[in-house]
Amino acid sequence: MTENKVPSLDDQPQAPAQRREMIVRRLRRQQTLSVIELTKIFNCSHMTVRRDIAILEQEGLVFSVPGGVRLASQLYSEPSHQNRVIVEPDQKQRMAVSAASLIKPGMSLYLDAGTTTLCLVPHIINQTGITVITNDFSILMALAGAKQVKVIHTGGVLDHDNIAAVGTLAADTMRNLATDIAFISSSSWDLQRGITTPSESKIEVKKAAMNSASQAVLMATSSKYGTFGMYRIAGLERFDTIISDSALTADAAAGIRKSGVELILA
């Protein structure tokens, strides 16, 4: 006598929304799944799976990897300035060119600590009437010989690894200033969580800089997309413009643009 097998959820036809929910659930257990695995699990075509992944990626819930999909990964610490400055130099230079197109003579700018914002300095030096406010000591030194640029450093507690000032003192400086554009960097970002950081000391100054500015511009490479830190700073919708590089996936880009934020891919 053959025992009747009770079908599992995976054996049943799934409505698209239910299938996508189950993909996310499985990823919470396995972190990464291949497209082939998903076609077998749900007994559906590659096209169906890729469509599900595209929708989930637009929603900021998952991120494409070659041949599959993964959940966002948590960032527990940030690389030092010394390590970051040699990573993705070409992408950062192209992003700086795009960011520089937003700058007009006479503007006041906040340059957040970071190796991507540091690449903006050569585009600022030859402009007239520019004021730069920064918490980054590398940016401060790069502008030290540019007497035509007014430079204000926030002061604050030194973050030795990032060569930048953080904490309440730096944030207080920004709360007493008004800027035209705040160029903000981030070690981790995605559509669902926005920009995040594993370092609590960075939260206050980033928020204060964004609040002091008429425009907030995020400069973050695509390699940082789909990672998150413990502390949330702001949702992506808080930015007027996001500048990243052309390696950002089409589905992630579509999700960001769908949220109403201008996205520039350099």
Protein backbone atom coordinates (compact mmCIF):
# COMPACT_ATOMS: atom_id res chain seq x y z
CA MET A 1 0.00 0.00 0.00
CA THR A 2 1.44 3.36 -1.03
CA GLU A 3 1.39 6.06 1.60
CA ASN A 4 -0.05 9.32 0.34
CA LYS A 5 2.50 12.15 0.59
CA VAL A 6 1.22 15.38 2.07
CA PRO A 7 2.34 18.15 -0.34
CA SER A 8 4.53 20.88 1.11
CA LEU A 9 4.11 24.56 0.34
CA ASP A 10 6.95 24.23 -2.17
CA ASP A 11 4.96 21.59 -4.09
CA GLN A 12 2.01 23.92 -4.59
CA PRO A 13 1.61 26.61 -7.24
CA GLN A 14 2.42 29.93 -5.63
CA ALA A 15 0.89 33.33 -6.21
CA PRO A 16 3.65 35.79 -7.20
CA ALA A 17 3.50 37.76 -3.93
CA GLN A 18 3.54 34.56 -1.87
CA ARG A 19 6.44 33.16 -3.89
CA ARG A 20 8.48 36.35 -3.37
CA GLU A 21 7.76 36.27 0.36
CA MET A 22 9.03 32.69 0.47
CA ILE A 23 12.20 33.66 -1.41
CA VAL A 24 12.97 36.27 1.24
CA ARG A 25 12.19 33.78 4.01
CA ARG A 26 14.55 31.19 2.54
CA LEU A 27 17.27 33.80 2.08
CA ARG A 28 17.06 34.64 5.77
CA ARG A 29 18.08 31.04 6.44
CA GLN A 30 20.57 30.55 3.59
CA GLN A 31 21.76 34.11 2.76
CA THR A 32 22.32 33.22 -0.91
CA LEU A 33 20.29 31.20 -3.44
CA SER A 34 20.95 30.43 -7.10
CA VAL A 35 18.37 30.95 -9.82
CA ILE A 36 18.56 27.22 -10.61
CA GLU A 37 17.75 26.33 -6.99
CA LEU A 38 14.75 28.65 -7.02
CA THR A 39 13.36 27.22 -10.26
CA LYS A 40 13.47 23.76 -8.67
CA ILE A 41 11.98 24.90 -5.37
CA PHE A 42 9.02 26.61 -7.01
CA ASN A 43 8.82 24.49 -10.16
CA CYS A 44 8.82 27.58 -12.36
CA SER A 45 10.83 29.08 -15.20
CA HIS A 46 14.08 31.04 -15.03
CA MET A 47 12.14 34.04 -16.36
CA THR A 48 9.66 33.86 -13.48
CA VAL A 49 12.43 33.67 -10.88
CA ARG A 50 14.36 36.54 -12.44
CA ARG A 51 11.19 38.62 -12.52
CA ASP A 52 10.64 37.92 -8.81
CA ILE A 53 14.25 38.85 -8.03
CA ALA A 54 13.91 42.08 -10.03
CA ILE A 55 10.80 43.11 -8.10
CA LEU A 56 12.37 42.25 -4.73
CA GLU A 57 15.53 44.14 -5.67
CA GLN A 58 13.52 47.20 -6.68
CA GLU A 59 11.93 47.04 -3.24
CA GLY A 60 15.38 46.87 -1.65
CA LEU A 61 14.78 43.47 -0.06
CA VAL A 62 17.36 41.41 -1.97
CA PHE A 63 20.38 42.00 -4.21
CA SER A 64 21.44 40.25 -7.38
CA VAL A 65 24.67 38.30 -7.54
CA PRO A 66 25.98 36.41 -10.59
CA GLY A 67 23.60 33.50 -11.12
CA GLY A 68 21.50 34.19 -8.05
CA VAL A 69 20.38 36.46 -5.26
CA ARG A 70 21.38 37.34 -1.70
CA LEU A 71 20.13 39.22 1.31
CA ALA A 72 21.80 42.39 2.49
CA SER A 73 24.96 41.74 4.51
CA GLN A 74 25.75 43.51 7.77
CA LEU A 75 28.83 45.69 8.08
CA TYR A 76 30.36 45.46 11.55
CA SER A 77 33.26 47.87 11.04
CA GLU A 78 34.48 50.24 8.36
CA PRO A 79 37.82 49.98 6.55
CA SER A 80 40.37 52.63 7.49
CA HIS A 81 40.99 55.69 5.34
CA GLN A 82 44.31 54.18 4.27
CA ASN A 83 42.61 51.06 2.93
CA ARG A 84 39.70 52.88 1.31
CA VAL A 85 41.76 55.45 -0.58
CA ILE A 86 43.20 52.76 -2.92
CA VAL A 87 39.84 51.09 -3.64
CA GLU A 88 37.81 51.90 -6.80
CA PRO A 89 39.71 55.08 -7.70
CA ASP A 90 38.29 55.29 -11.24
CA GLN A 91 34.68 55.04 -10.08
CA LYS A 92 35.24 57.69 -7.43
CA GLN A 93 36.85 60.07 -9.92
CA ARG A 94 33.91 59.72 -12.33
CA MET A 95 31.45 60.27 -9.50
CA ALA A 96 33.35 63.40 -8.48
CA VAL A 97 33.00 64.80 -12.02
CA SER A 98 29.22 64.27 -11.81
CA ALA A 99 29.06 65.85 -8.36
CA ALA A 100 31.11 68.85 -9.50
CA SER A 101 28.48 69.64 -12.15
CA LEU A 102 26.11 70.54 -9.30
CA ILE A 103 28.48 73.17 -7.86
CA LYS A 104 28.15 76.84 -8.83
CA PRO A 105 30.42 79.80 -7.96
CA GLY A 106 29.65 81.33 -4.59
CA MET A 107 28.17 78.17 -3.06
CA SER A 108 28.80 76.89 0.44
CA LEU A 109 29.41 73.12 0.51
CA TYR A 110 29.66 70.47 3.19
CA LEU A 111 32.07 67.66 2.26
CA ASP A 112 31.51 64.66 4.48
CA ALA A 113 34.50 62.57 5.53
CA GLY A 114 35.31 60.02 2.85
CA THR A 115 37.61 59.10 0.00
CA THR A 116 34.87 59.72 -2.58
CA THR A 117 34.19 63.26 -1.36
CA LEU A 118 37.96 63.83 -1.25
CA CYS A 119 37.96 63.37 -5.04
CA LEU A 120 35.81 66.52 -5.30
CA VAL A 121 38.63 68.76 -4.09
CA PRO A 122 40.41 69.24 -7.47
CA HIS A 123 37.08 70.35 -8.97
CA ILE A 124 36.59 72.96 -6.24
CA ILE A 125 40.05 74.52 -6.04
CA ASN A 126 39.74 76.60 -9.22
CA GLN A 127 36.21 77.86 -8.56
CA THR A 128 35.57 81.31 -7.13
CA GLY A 129 33.80 82.26 -3.95
CA ILE A 130 33.39 78.70 -2.68
CA THR A 131 33.16 77.92 1.03
CA VAL A 132 33.88 74.36 2.11
CA ILE A 133 32.87 72.98 5.48
CA THR A 134 34.23 69.53 6.32
CA ASN A 135 34.92 67.17 9.19
CA ASP A 136 37.63 65.39 7.16
CA PHE A 137 41.27 66.22 7.92
CA SER A 138 42.47 64.85 4.53
CA ILE A 139 40.10 67.24 2.74
CA LEU A 140 41.27 70.06 5.03
CA MET A 141 44.91 69.43 4.12
CA ALA A 142 44.11 69.11 0.39
CA LEU A 143 42.54 72.58 0.53
CA ALA A 144 45.24 74.12 2.73
CA GLY A 145 47.03 75.82 -0.17
CA ALA A 146 43.86 77.00 -1.95
CA LYS A 147 43.62 80.52 -0.50
CA GLN A 148 40.72 81.40 -2.81
CA VAL A 149 38.55 78.79 -1.04
CA LYS A 150 37.18 79.59 2.41
CA VAL A 151 37.54 76.47 4.55
CA ILE A 152 35.83 75.68 7.85
CA HIS A 153 36.64 72.54 9.80
CA THR A 154 33.96 71.30 12.18
CA GLY A 155 36.33 70.24 14.92
CA GLY A 156 35.25 67.44 17.21
CA VAL A 157 36.56 64.11 18.46
CA LEU A 158 39.16 62.51 16.18
CA ASP A 159 38.24 59.21 14.56
CA HIS A 160 41.79 57.91 14.08
CA ASP A 161 40.93 55.27 11.46
CA ASN A 162 38.97 57.66 9.25
CA ILE A 163 41.09 60.77 9.94
CA ALA A 164 37.89 62.71 10.60
CA ALA A 165 36.07 64.54 13.40
CA VAL A 166 32.90 62.97 14.77
CA GLY A 167 30.47 63.36 17.65
CA THR A 168 28.50 66.19 19.24
CA LEU A 169 31.11 68.95 18.84
CA ALA A 170 31.30 68.38 15.07
CA ALA A 171 27.51 68.21 14.84
CA ASP A 172 27.12 71.46 16.83
CA THR A 173 29.25 73.29 14.26
CA MET A 174 26.95 72.10 11.48
CA ARG A 175 23.82 73.07 13.40
CA ASN A 176 25.13 76.66 13.45
CA LEU A 177 25.73 76.82 9.70
CA ALA A 178 23.59 76.83 6.56
CA THR A 179 24.98 75.33 3.35
CA ASP A 180 23.84 75.04 -0.24
CA ILE A 181 24.81 71.37 -0.75
CA ALA A 182 25.83 68.64 1.66
CA PHE A 183 27.79 65.89 -0.09
CA ILE A 184 27.35 62.87 2.18
CA SER A 185 29.35 59.65 2.06
CA SER A 186 28.24 56.25 3.35
CA SER A 187 29.89 52.90 3.96
CA SER A 188 26.58 51.06 3.52
CA TRP A 189 23.31 51.82 1.77
CA ASP A 190 20.23 50.25 0.24
CA LEU A 191 16.66 51.15 -0.62
CA GLN A 192 15.07 49.47 2.37
CA ARG A 193 17.33 50.80 5.15
CA GLY A 194 18.73 53.95 3.54
CA ILE A 195 22.23 54.94 4.65
CA THR A 196 23.58 53.24 7.73
CA THR A 197 26.81 52.98 9.69
CA PRO A 198 28.35 50.58 12.21
CA SER A 199 29.79 53.61 14.04
CA GLU A 200 27.42 55.41 16.42
CA SER A 201 29.73 58.45 16.61
CA LYS A 202 29.08 59.31 12.94
CA ILE A 203 25.31 59.58 13.15
CA GLU A 204 24.94 63.02 14.68
CA VAL A 205 27.29 64.93 12.37
CA LYS A 206 25.86 63.38 9.19
CA LYS A 207 22.30 64.21 10.25
CA ALA A 208 23.25 67.75 11.24
CA ALA A 209 25.04 68.31 7.92
CA MET A 210 22.01 67.10 5.95
CA ASN A 211 19.64 69.27 7.99
CA SER A 212 21.81 72.36 7.47
CA ALA A 213 21.80 72.04 3.66
CA SER A 214 19.38 73.17 0.98
CA GLN A 215 20.30 70.04 -1.00
CA ALA A 216 21.56 66.68 0.23
CA VAL A 217 23.60 64.57 -2.20
CA LEU A 218 24.70 61.02 -1.44
CA MET A 219 27.97 59.86 -2.99
CA ALA A 220 28.35 56.08 -2.60
CA THR A 221 29.82 53.40 -4.85
CA SER A 222 27.70 50.47 -5.99
CA SER A 223 29.94 48.01 -4.11
CA LYS A 224 28.52 49.41 -0.85
CA TYR A 225 24.92 48.90 -1.98
CA GLY A 226 23.21 45.99 -0.26
CA THR A 227 25.18 46.29 2.98
CA PHE A 228 24.00 47.79 6.24
CA GLY A 229 25.34 48.88 9.60
CA MET A 230 23.58 48.83 12.95
CA TYR A 231 22.75 52.54 13.01
CA ARG A 232 20.36 54.15 10.52
CA ILE A 233 21.10 57.73 9.50
CA ALA A 234 18.46 58.54 6.86
CA GLY A 235 16.26 56.96 4.21
CA LEU A 236 17.30 57.38 0.59
CA GLU A 237 14.21 59.51 -0.01
CA ARG A 238 15.85 62.13 2.22
CA PHE A 239 18.36 62.87 -0.57
CA ASP A 240 17.72 65.14 -3.53
CA THR A 241 20.34 63.32 -5.62
CA ILE A 242 22.28 60.06 -5.35
CA ILE A 243 25.54 59.68 -7.26
CA SER A 244 26.89 56.16 -7.72
CA ASP A 245 28.75 54.26 -10.44
CA SER A 246 27.49 52.40 -13.49
CA ALA A 247 27.96 48.97 -11.89
CA LEU A 248 24.81 49.49 -9.80
CA THR A 249 22.31 46.87 -10.98
CA ALA A 250 19.48 47.98 -13.24
CA ASP A 251 16.86 46.70 -10.80
CA ALA A 252 18.39 48.57 -7.84
CA ALA A 253 18.57 51.72 -9.98
CA ALA A 254 14.93 51.30 -11.02
CA GLY A 255 13.85 50.98 -7.39
CA ILE A 256 15.71 54.13 -6.38
CA ARG A 257 14.27 56.14 -9.26
CA LYS A 258 10.80 54.80 -8.49
CA SER A 259 11.15 56.34 -5.02
CA GLY A 260 11.45 59.77 -6.66
CA VAL A 261 15.15 60.39 -6.01
CA GLU A 262 17.36 61.63 -8.85
CA LEU A 263 19.99 58.97 -9.54
CA ILE A 264 23.20 59.73 -11.45
CA LEU A 265 25.37 56.78 -12.48
CA ALA A 266 28.87 57.88 -13.41
